Amino acid sequence: DGLGDGWVPTVATYAPGTENVLTFTTVWETPDGGDIALKEAADVTEGWVSRSVNDGARDGSVTVAGRTFERYVARSGSQVSYVERATGADQTTLVATGTADEAELRALVAALRAVTPAP
């Protein structure tokens, strides 16, 4: 909500991902030309998380819009990922990751809003 001009969704899929974890993925092109993938899944495995962050190393945490995310950096240093793990039943783990500038990664994460499922 409220991303502004220049954000272009380029991919949306709902399919099994790493270790057959059913994953909803959207990919966004940012105003500066970078890419950010947003992945959501329930009942994730450590392998799913590791692959989703491009086997990056944990590098502390960040707080964006009142939400705390684990921060990962890929070995090449060119990809930063934020992970918010599920904390209860019927919740999903969220991964936002990409080669975009970290300020744009923060902007995308700050714009996320909960959606109420249709009945």
N, C-alpha and C. Protein backbone atom coordinates (compact mmCIF):
# COMPACT_ATOMS: atom_id res chain seq x y z
N ASP A 1 0.84 -1.17 0.00
CA ASP A 1 0.00 0.00 0.00
C ASP A 1 0.89 1.24 0.00
N GLY A 2 0.71 2.12 -0.97
CA GLY A 2 1.41 3.39 -0.99
C GLY A 2 2.84 3.36 -1.49
N LEU A 3 3.20 2.42 -2.34
CA LEU A 3 4.58 2.36 -2.84
C LEU A 3 4.92 3.54 -3.76
N GLY A 4 3.96 4.05 -4.46
CA GLY A 4 4.24 5.15 -5.37
C GLY A 4 4.59 4.67 -6.76
N ASP A 5 4.96 5.63 -7.60
CA ASP A 5 5.27 5.33 -8.99
C ASP A 5 6.59 4.57 -9.12
N GLY A 6 6.67 3.81 -10.19
CA GLY A 6 7.92 3.14 -10.51
C GLY A 6 8.06 1.72 -10.00
N TRP A 7 7.13 1.26 -9.19
CA TRP A 7 7.16 -0.13 -8.71
C TRP A 7 6.33 -0.96 -9.67
N VAL A 8 6.95 -1.97 -10.28
CA VAL A 8 6.26 -2.77 -11.29
C VAL A 8 6.29 -4.24 -10.90
N PRO A 9 5.11 -4.85 -10.63
CA PRO A 9 5.12 -6.29 -10.38
C PRO A 9 5.38 -7.02 -11.70
N THR A 10 6.34 -7.95 -11.67
CA THR A 10 6.71 -8.63 -12.91
C THR A 10 6.38 -10.12 -12.90
N VAL A 11 6.24 -10.71 -11.72
CA VAL A 11 5.97 -12.15 -11.61
C VAL A 11 5.08 -12.37 -10.39
N ALA A 12 4.15 -13.30 -10.52
CA ALA A 12 3.37 -13.77 -9.38
C ALA A 12 3.12 -15.25 -9.58
N THR A 13 3.56 -16.07 -8.61
CA THR A 13 3.36 -17.51 -8.70
C THR A 13 2.92 -18.06 -7.34
N TYR A 14 2.25 -19.18 -7.40
CA TYR A 14 1.90 -19.93 -6.20
C TYR A 14 2.17 -21.39 -6.54
N ALA A 15 3.28 -21.89 -6.03
CA ALA A 15 3.73 -23.23 -6.42
C ALA A 15 4.67 -23.78 -5.36
N PRO A 16 4.92 -25.09 -5.39
CA PRO A 16 5.91 -25.66 -4.48
C PRO A 16 7.28 -25.07 -4.75
N GLY A 17 7.97 -24.71 -3.68
CA GLY A 17 9.33 -24.18 -3.79
C GLY A 17 10.31 -25.19 -3.24
N THR A 18 11.40 -24.71 -2.69
CA THR A 18 12.42 -25.57 -2.09
C THR A 18 11.77 -26.51 -1.09
N GLU A 19 12.16 -27.77 -1.15
CA GLU A 19 11.66 -28.82 -0.25
C GLU A 19 10.12 -28.92 -0.29
N ASN A 20 9.55 -28.61 -1.45
CA ASN A 20 8.12 -28.69 -1.70
C ASN A 20 7.26 -27.82 -0.79
N VAL A 21 7.83 -26.75 -0.27
CA VAL A 21 7.06 -25.81 0.54
C VAL A 21 6.24 -24.95 -0.41
N LEU A 22 4.92 -25.01 -0.28
CA LEU A 22 4.03 -24.23 -1.14
C LEU A 22 4.27 -22.75 -0.87
N THR A 23 4.64 -22.00 -1.91
CA THR A 23 5.12 -20.63 -1.75
C THR A 23 4.40 -19.69 -2.70
N PHE A 24 3.93 -18.55 -2.15
CA PHE A 24 3.40 -17.46 -2.96
C PHE A 24 4.55 -16.48 -3.16
N THR A 25 4.88 -16.22 -4.41
CA THR A 25 6.01 -15.34 -4.72
C THR A 25 5.56 -14.24 -5.67
N THR A 26 5.94 -13.01 -5.35
CA THR A 26 5.81 -11.91 -6.28
C THR A 26 7.19 -11.28 -6.45
N VAL A 27 7.47 -10.84 -7.65
CA VAL A 27 8.73 -10.16 -7.92
C VAL A 27 8.39 -8.76 -8.41
N TRP A 28 9.12 -7.80 -7.87
CA TRP A 28 8.90 -6.39 -8.19
C TRP A 28 10.14 -5.78 -8.80
N GLU A 29 9.96 -4.99 -9.86
CA GLU A 29 11.03 -4.13 -10.34
C GLU A 29 10.87 -2.81 -9.60
N THR A 30 11.97 -2.31 -9.06
CA THR A 30 11.92 -1.10 -8.25
C THR A 30 12.11 0.15 -9.12
N PRO A 31 11.81 1.33 -8.58
CA PRO A 31 12.01 2.55 -9.36
C PRO A 31 13.44 2.74 -9.86
N ASP A 32 14.43 2.24 -9.12
CA ASP A 32 15.83 2.37 -9.54
C ASP A 32 16.30 1.22 -10.41
N GLY A 33 15.39 0.30 -10.79
CA GLY A 33 15.74 -0.79 -11.69
C GLY A 33 16.20 -2.07 -11.04
N GLY A 34 16.16 -2.15 -9.71
CA GLY A 34 16.51 -3.38 -9.01
C GLY A 34 15.33 -4.34 -8.99
N ASP A 35 15.54 -5.50 -8.41
CA ASP A 35 14.49 -6.50 -8.26
C ASP A 35 14.38 -6.92 -6.81
N ILE A 36 13.13 -7.12 -6.37
CA ILE A 36 12.87 -7.65 -5.03
C ILE A 36 11.83 -8.75 -5.17
N ALA A 37 12.15 -9.92 -4.61
CA ALA A 37 11.20 -11.02 -4.55
C ALA A 37 10.59 -11.04 -3.16
N LEU A 38 9.29 -11.19 -3.11
CA LEU A 38 8.56 -11.31 -1.86
C LEU A 38 7.97 -12.70 -1.82
N LYS A 39 8.38 -13.50 -0.82
CA LYS A 39 7.93 -14.89 -0.70
C LYS A 39 7.18 -15.06 0.60
N GLU A 40 6.06 -15.79 0.53
CA GLU A 40 5.26 -16.09 1.72
C GLU A 40 4.93 -17.58 1.71
N ALA A 41 5.11 -18.22 2.87
CA ALA A 41 4.80 -19.64 2.98
C ALA A 41 4.54 -20.02 4.43
N ALA A 42 3.76 -21.05 4.61
CA ALA A 42 3.50 -21.62 5.94
C ALA A 42 4.32 -22.90 6.08
N ASP A 43 4.57 -23.28 7.31
CA ASP A 43 5.27 -24.53 7.59
C ASP A 43 6.59 -24.64 6.82
N VAL A 44 7.39 -23.58 6.89
CA VAL A 44 8.66 -23.57 6.15
C VAL A 44 9.71 -24.43 6.84
N THR A 45 10.69 -24.83 6.07
CA THR A 45 11.83 -25.58 6.59
C THR A 45 13.05 -24.65 6.63
N GLU A 46 14.07 -25.06 7.34
CA GLU A 46 15.30 -24.27 7.35
C GLU A 46 15.92 -24.24 5.95
N GLY A 47 15.78 -25.33 5.21
CA GLY A 47 16.27 -25.35 3.84
C GLY A 47 15.56 -24.34 2.96
N TRP A 48 14.25 -24.20 3.15
CA TRP A 48 13.47 -23.20 2.40
C TRP A 48 13.97 -21.80 2.71
N VAL A 49 14.17 -21.51 4.00
CA VAL A 49 14.66 -20.19 4.39
C VAL A 49 16.04 -19.95 3.79
N SER A 50 16.94 -20.92 3.93
CA SER A 50 18.30 -20.78 3.43
C SER A 50 18.32 -20.50 1.93
N ARG A 51 17.55 -21.24 1.18
CA ARG A 51 17.51 -21.04 -0.27
C ARG A 51 16.84 -19.71 -0.62
N SER A 52 15.83 -19.32 0.15
CA SER A 52 15.12 -18.06 -0.11
C SER A 52 16.01 -16.85 0.08
N VAL A 53 17.01 -16.97 0.95
CA VAL A 53 17.94 -15.85 1.19
C VAL A 53 19.26 -16.07 0.44
N ASN A 54 19.21 -16.95 -0.58
CA ASN A 54 20.37 -17.23 -1.43
C ASN A 54 21.56 -17.71 -0.60
N ASP A 55 21.27 -18.54 0.40
CA ASP A 55 22.30 -19.08 1.29
C ASP A 55 23.11 -17.99 1.98
N GLY A 56 22.46 -16.87 2.22
CA GLY A 56 23.12 -15.75 2.89
C GLY A 56 23.38 -16.02 4.36
N ALA A 57 24.25 -15.22 4.93
CA ALA A 57 24.59 -15.33 6.35
C ALA A 57 23.75 -14.34 7.14
N ARG A 58 23.32 -14.78 8.30
CA ARG A 58 22.54 -13.90 9.19
C ARG A 58 23.43 -12.74 9.61
N ASP A 59 22.86 -11.54 9.54
CA ASP A 59 23.60 -10.31 9.85
C ASP A 59 22.73 -9.40 10.71
N GLY A 60 22.32 -9.91 11.86
CA GLY A 60 21.54 -9.11 12.80
C GLY A 60 20.07 -9.05 12.44
N SER A 61 19.44 -7.96 12.87
CA SER A 61 18.03 -7.77 12.59
C SER A 61 17.76 -6.29 12.31
N VAL A 62 16.62 -6.04 11.69
CA VAL A 62 16.19 -4.67 11.40
C VAL A 62 14.74 -4.55 11.79
N THR A 63 14.35 -3.34 12.15
CA THR A 63 12.94 -3.06 12.43
C THR A 63 12.44 -2.08 11.38
N VAL A 64 11.34 -2.46 10.72
CA VAL A 64 10.74 -1.64 9.67
C VAL A 64 9.25 -1.55 9.96
N ALA A 65 8.75 -0.34 10.08
CA ALA A 65 7.32 -0.12 10.30
C ALA A 65 6.81 -0.92 11.50
N GLY A 66 7.61 -1.01 12.55
CA GLY A 66 7.21 -1.69 13.77
C GLY A 66 7.34 -3.20 13.74
N ARG A 67 7.86 -3.76 12.65
CA ARG A 67 8.04 -5.21 12.53
C ARG A 67 9.53 -5.51 12.53
N THR A 68 9.92 -6.58 13.22
CA THR A 68 11.33 -6.96 13.29
C THR A 68 11.60 -8.11 12.33
N PHE A 69 12.65 -7.96 11.55
CA PHE A 69 13.05 -8.95 10.55
C PHE A 69 14.48 -9.39 10.81
N GLU A 70 14.76 -10.66 10.59
CA GLU A 70 16.13 -11.14 10.55
C GLU A 70 16.73 -10.61 9.25
N ARG A 71 17.97 -10.16 9.28
CA ARG A 71 18.64 -9.63 8.09
C ARG A 71 19.72 -10.62 7.65
N TYR A 72 19.74 -10.93 6.36
CA TYR A 72 20.72 -11.83 5.77
C TYR A 72 21.43 -11.13 4.63
N VAL A 73 22.70 -11.46 4.44
CA VAL A 73 23.48 -10.92 3.33
C VAL A 73 24.10 -12.10 2.58
N ALA A 74 23.89 -12.13 1.27
CA ALA A 74 24.47 -13.19 0.44
C ALA A 74 25.99 -13.07 0.41
N ARG A 75 26.64 -14.17 0.15
CA ARG A 75 28.11 -14.20 0.13
C ARG A 75 28.70 -13.13 -0.78
N SER A 76 28.06 -12.89 -1.90
CA SER A 76 28.57 -11.90 -2.85
C SER A 76 28.37 -10.47 -2.33
N GLY A 77 27.50 -10.32 -1.34
CA GLY A 77 27.21 -9.00 -0.80
C GLY A 77 26.23 -8.20 -1.63
N SER A 78 25.81 -8.75 -2.76
CA SER A 78 24.93 -8.01 -3.65
C SER A 78 23.45 -8.26 -3.39
N GLN A 79 23.13 -9.15 -2.46
CA GLN A 79 21.73 -9.46 -2.16
C GLN A 79 21.50 -9.39 -0.66
N VAL A 80 20.52 -8.59 -0.27
CA VAL A 80 20.13 -8.48 1.13
C VAL A 80 18.72 -9.03 1.26
N SER A 81 18.45 -9.74 2.36
CA SER A 81 17.15 -10.35 2.59
C SER A 81 16.66 -10.03 3.98
N TYR A 82 15.35 -9.84 4.10
CA TYR A 82 14.69 -9.69 5.39
C TYR A 82 13.74 -10.87 5.56
N VAL A 83 13.77 -11.48 6.74
CA VAL A 83 12.93 -12.64 7.04
C VAL A 83 12.11 -12.37 8.29
N GLU A 84 10.80 -12.54 8.18
CA GLU A 84 9.91 -12.49 9.33
C GLU A 84 9.30 -13.88 9.46
N ARG A 85 9.67 -14.57 10.53
CA ARG A 85 9.22 -15.95 10.71
C ARG A 85 7.83 -15.99 11.33
N ALA A 86 7.07 -17.01 10.94
CA ALA A 86 5.75 -17.23 11.51
C ALA A 86 5.87 -17.42 13.01
N THR A 87 4.91 -16.87 13.75
CA THR A 87 4.96 -16.98 15.20
C THR A 87 3.78 -17.74 15.78
N GLY A 88 2.87 -18.20 14.96
CA GLY A 88 1.73 -18.95 15.49
C GLY A 88 1.01 -19.69 14.38
N ALA A 89 -0.06 -20.37 14.77
CA ALA A 89 -0.86 -21.13 13.81
C ALA A 89 -1.45 -20.19 12.77
N ASP A 90 -1.59 -20.70 11.56
CA ASP A 90 -2.18 -19.96 10.45
C ASP A 90 -1.41 -18.71 10.07
N GLN A 91 -0.14 -18.64 10.42
CA GLN A 91 0.67 -17.50 10.01
C GLN A 91 1.73 -17.97 9.03
N THR A 92 2.22 -17.03 8.27
CA THR A 92 3.21 -17.37 7.25
C THR A 92 4.56 -16.74 7.58
N THR A 93 5.59 -17.34 7.02
CA THR A 93 6.92 -16.76 7.05
C THR A 93 7.05 -15.91 5.80
N LEU A 94 7.66 -14.76 5.96
CA LEU A 94 7.81 -13.80 4.88
C LEU A 94 9.29 -13.57 4.61
N VAL A 95 9.67 -13.60 3.34
CA VAL A 95 11.04 -13.28 2.93
C VAL A 95 10.95 -12.21 1.85
N ALA A 96 11.65 -11.11 2.07
CA ALA A 96 11.80 -10.07 1.04
C ALA A 96 13.29 -10.04 0.71
N THR A 97 13.62 -10.24 -0.55
CA THR A 97 15.02 -10.40 -0.92
C THR A 97 15.27 -9.87 -2.32
N GLY A 98 16.45 -9.34 -2.53
CA GLY A 98 16.76 -8.91 -3.88
C GLY A 98 18.05 -8.14 -3.99
N THR A 99 18.29 -7.70 -5.21
CA THR A 99 19.49 -6.96 -5.53
C THR A 99 19.25 -5.45 -5.50
N ALA A 100 18.03 -5.05 -5.20
CA ALA A 100 17.71 -3.63 -5.12
C ALA A 100 18.44 -2.99 -3.94
N ASP A 101 18.56 -1.69 -3.98
CA ASP A 101 19.12 -0.94 -2.87
C ASP A 101 18.35 -1.27 -1.59
N GLU A 102 19.04 -1.35 -0.47
CA GLU A 102 18.38 -1.72 0.78
C GLU A 102 17.29 -0.73 1.18
N ALA A 103 17.43 0.54 0.80
CA ALA A 103 16.38 1.52 1.08
C ALA A 103 15.08 1.13 0.37
N GLU A 104 15.20 0.60 -0.85
CA GLU A 104 14.01 0.16 -1.56
C GLU A 104 13.44 -1.11 -0.94
N LEU A 105 14.30 -1.99 -0.45
CA LEU A 105 13.83 -3.18 0.26
C LEU A 105 13.02 -2.76 1.48
N ARG A 106 13.53 -1.80 2.22
CA ARG A 106 12.80 -1.28 3.39
C ARG A 106 11.46 -0.67 2.98
N ALA A 107 11.44 0.07 1.87
CA ALA A 107 10.21 0.71 1.40
C ALA A 107 9.14 -0.34 1.07
N LEU A 108 9.56 -1.42 0.39
CA LEU A 108 8.60 -2.47 0.06
C LEU A 108 8.05 -3.12 1.32
N VAL A 109 8.93 -3.46 2.24
CA VAL A 109 8.51 -4.11 3.49
C VAL A 109 7.59 -3.18 4.29
N ALA A 110 7.91 -1.90 4.33
CA ALA A 110 7.08 -0.94 5.07
C ALA A 110 5.68 -0.81 4.47
N ALA A 111 5.55 -1.07 3.17
CA ALA A 111 4.26 -0.93 2.50
C ALA A 111 3.37 -2.16 2.63
N LEU A 112 3.88 -3.25 3.19
CA LEU A 112 3.08 -4.47 3.32
C LEU A 112 1.94 -4.28 4.30
N ARG A 113 0.78 -4.78 3.94
CA ARG A 113 -0.40 -4.73 4.81
C ARG A 113 -1.05 -6.12 4.83
N ALA A 114 -1.63 -6.46 5.96
CA ALA A 114 -2.33 -7.73 6.08
C ALA A 114 -3.58 -7.70 5.20
N VAL A 115 -3.88 -8.85 4.62
CA VAL A 115 -5.07 -8.99 3.79
C VAL A 115 -5.99 -9.99 4.46
N THR A 116 -7.25 -9.64 4.57
CA THR A 116 -8.24 -10.55 5.13
C THR A 116 -8.71 -11.50 4.04
N PRO A 117 -8.54 -12.81 4.25
CA PRO A 117 -8.98 -13.76 3.23
C PRO A 117 -10.48 -13.67 2.96
N ALA A 118 -10.85 -13.92 1.74
CA ALA A 118 -12.27 -13.93 1.37
C ALA A 118 -12.93 -15.13 2.04
N PRO A 119 -14.21 -15.00 2.37
CA PRO A 119 -14.91 -16.14 3.00
C PRO A 119 -15.06 -17.32 2.07
